[in-house]
Amino acid sequence: MQVLYFAWVRERIGLPREEIETQAATVNDLVAELMAREARYEMAFADTSALRVALDQELSEFDAPLEGVREVAFFPPMTGG
């Protein structure tokens, strides 16, 4: 699965994207797996209420299932202006 990071999420993790293998059933499970990796992921995902997620380029929720998903993107909420 391709995992993409945008804006300050990318800055905290230090990567724009990575290919991972996961057994996660939901986005929340994936976040828990990532946070367990090391401190930079833990810092990036410390407050998921400050994040949005897209599955295969469609806005989704953190309790959404990952079955069949090829791409997960994490990013802060967008603001207009």
C-alpha atoms as a PDB file:
ATOM      1  CA  MET A   1       0.000   0.000   0.000  1.00  0.00           C
ATOM      2  CA  GLN A   2       1.240   3.480  -0.840  1.00  0.00           C
ATOM      3  CA  VAL A   3       1.038   5.933   2.080  1.00  0.00           C
ATOM      4  CA  LEU A   4       1.340   9.643   1.290  1.00  0.00           C
ATOM      5  CA  TYR A   5       2.055  12.453   3.752  1.00  0.00           C
ATOM      6  CA  PHE A   6       1.353  16.132   3.082  1.00  0.00           C
ATOM      7  CA  ALA A   7       2.214  19.496   4.694  1.00  0.00           C
ATOM      8  CA  TRP A   8       3.290  19.317   8.357  1.00  0.00           C
ATOM      9  CA  VAL A   9       2.629  15.570   8.461  1.00  0.00           C
ATOM     10  CA  ARG A  10       5.363  15.104   5.841  1.00  0.00           C
ATOM     11  CA  GLU A  11       7.647  17.487   7.731  1.00  0.00           C
ATOM     12  CA  ARG A  12       7.288  15.551  10.995  1.00  0.00           C
ATOM     13  CA  ILE A  13       7.750  12.125   9.421  1.00  0.00           C
ATOM     14  CA  GLY A  14      10.440  13.245   6.998  1.00  0.00           C
ATOM     15  CA  LEU A  15       9.023  11.411   3.982  1.00  0.00           C
ATOM     16  CA  PRO A  16       6.553  12.433   1.278  1.00  0.00           C
ATOM     17  CA  ARG A  17       5.479   8.810   0.687  1.00  0.00           C
ATOM     18  CA  GLU A  18       6.336   5.217   1.435  1.00  0.00           C
ATOM     19  CA  GLU A  19       5.277   1.749   0.365  1.00  0.00           C
ATOM     20  CA  ILE A  20       4.226  -0.369   3.330  1.00  0.00           C
ATOM     21  CA  GLU A  21       2.845  -3.815   3.995  1.00  0.00           C
ATOM     22  CA  THR A  22       0.160  -3.825   6.628  1.00  0.00           C
ATOM     23  CA  GLN A  23      -2.339  -6.119   8.281  1.00  0.00           C
ATOM     24  CA  ALA A  24      -4.449  -3.121   9.359  1.00  0.00           C
ATOM     25  CA  ALA A  25      -8.186  -3.510   8.874  1.00  0.00           C
ATOM     26  CA  THR A  26      -9.022   0.203   9.230  1.00  0.00           C
ATOM     27  CA  VAL A  27      -7.276   3.547   8.944  1.00  0.00           C
ATOM     28  CA  ASN A  28      -7.170   3.721  12.757  1.00  0.00           C
ATOM     29  CA  ASP A  29      -5.357   0.367  12.807  1.00  0.00           C
ATOM     30  CA  LEU A  30      -2.868   1.665  10.235  1.00  0.00           C
ATOM     31  CA  VAL A  31      -2.240   4.781  12.320  1.00  0.00           C
ATOM     32  CA  ALA A  32      -1.598   2.585  15.384  1.00  0.00           C
ATOM     33  CA  GLU A  33       0.904   0.493  13.375  1.00  0.00           C
ATOM     34  CA  LEU A  34       2.686   3.606  12.138  1.00  0.00           C
ATOM     35  CA  MET A  35       2.808   5.178  15.610  1.00  0.00           C
ATOM     36  CA  ALA A  36       4.403   2.018  16.993  1.00  0.00           C
ATOM     37  CA  ARG A  37       7.268   2.330  14.474  1.00  0.00           C
ATOM     38  CA  GLU A  38       9.092   5.273  16.028  1.00  0.00           C
ATOM     39  CA  ALA A  39       8.722   8.678  17.658  1.00  0.00           C
ATOM     40  CA  ARG A  40       8.409  10.725  14.473  1.00  0.00           C
ATOM     41  CA  TYR A  41       5.227   8.830  13.489  1.00  0.00           C
ATOM     42  CA  GLU A  42       3.924   9.064  17.039  1.00  0.00           C
ATOM     43  CA  MET A  43       4.401  12.833  16.918  1.00  0.00           C
ATOM     44  CA  ALA A  44       2.755  13.171  13.492  1.00  0.00           C
ATOM     45  CA  PHE A  45      -0.330  11.155  14.485  1.00  0.00           C
ATOM     46  CA  ALA A  46      -0.645  12.291  18.112  1.00  0.00           C
ATOM     47  CA  ASP A  47      -3.892  14.157  17.364  1.00  0.00           C
ATOM     48  CA  THR A  48      -5.813  12.569  14.509  1.00  0.00           C
ATOM     49  CA  SER A  49      -8.617  15.118  14.975  1.00  0.00           C
ATOM     50  CA  ALA A  50      -6.165  17.578  13.346  1.00  0.00           C
ATOM     51  CA  LEU A  51      -5.814  15.321  10.288  1.00  0.00           C
ATOM     52  CA  ARG A  52      -7.823  14.257   7.288  1.00  0.00           C
ATOM     53  CA  VAL A  53      -7.434  11.022   5.351  1.00  0.00           C
ATOM     54  CA  ALA A  54      -8.147  10.058   1.757  1.00  0.00           C
ATOM     55  CA  LEU A  55      -8.393   6.482   0.497  1.00  0.00           C
ATOM     56  CA  ASP A  56      -7.631   6.088  -3.193  1.00  0.00           C
ATOM     57  CA  GLN A  57      -8.028   9.878  -3.540  1.00  0.00           C
ATOM     58  CA  GLU A  58     -11.457  10.057  -1.885  1.00  0.00           C
ATOM     59  CA  LEU A  59     -11.946  11.806   1.443  1.00  0.00           C
ATOM     60  CA  SER A  60     -12.701   9.242   4.115  1.00  0.00           C
ATOM     61  CA  GLU A  61     -12.914   8.619   7.869  1.00  0.00           C
ATOM     62  CA  PHE A  62     -10.409   7.042  10.235  1.00  0.00           C
ATOM     63  CA  ASP A  63     -12.749   4.105  10.948  1.00  0.00           C
ATOM     64  CA  ALA A  64     -12.986   3.252   7.222  1.00  0.00           C
ATOM     65  CA  PRO A  65     -11.916  -0.249   6.145  1.00  0.00           C
ATOM     66  CA  LEU A  66      -8.692  -0.637   4.155  1.00  0.00           C
ATOM     67  CA  GLU A  67      -9.619  -3.767   2.232  1.00  0.00           C
ATOM     68  CA  GLY A  68      -8.783  -3.213  -1.435  1.00  0.00           C
ATOM     69  CA  VAL A  69      -7.288   0.234  -0.829  1.00  0.00           C
ATOM     70  CA  ARG A  70      -4.075   0.960  -2.732  1.00  0.00           C
ATOM     71  CA  GLU A  71      -3.327   4.499  -1.515  1.00  0.00           C
ATOM     72  CA  VAL A  72      -3.797   6.258   1.821  1.00  0.00           C
ATOM     73  CA  ALA A  73      -3.054   9.976   2.131  1.00  0.00           C
ATOM     74  CA  PHE A  74      -2.788  11.936   5.378  1.00  0.00           C
ATOM     75  CA  PHE A  75      -3.011  15.742   5.407  1.00  0.00           C
ATOM     76  CA  PRO A  76      -4.161  18.644   7.568  1.00  0.00           C
ATOM     77  CA  PRO A  77      -7.577  20.214   6.896  1.00  0.00           C
ATOM     78  CA  MET A  78      -7.585  22.631   3.991  1.00  0.00           C
ATOM     79  CA  THR A  79      -8.358  26.284   4.552  1.00  0.00           C
ATOM     80  CA  GLY A  80      -9.674  28.745   2.034  1.00  0.00           C
ATOM     81  CA  GLY A  81      -8.249  32.107   1.227  1.00  0.00           C
END
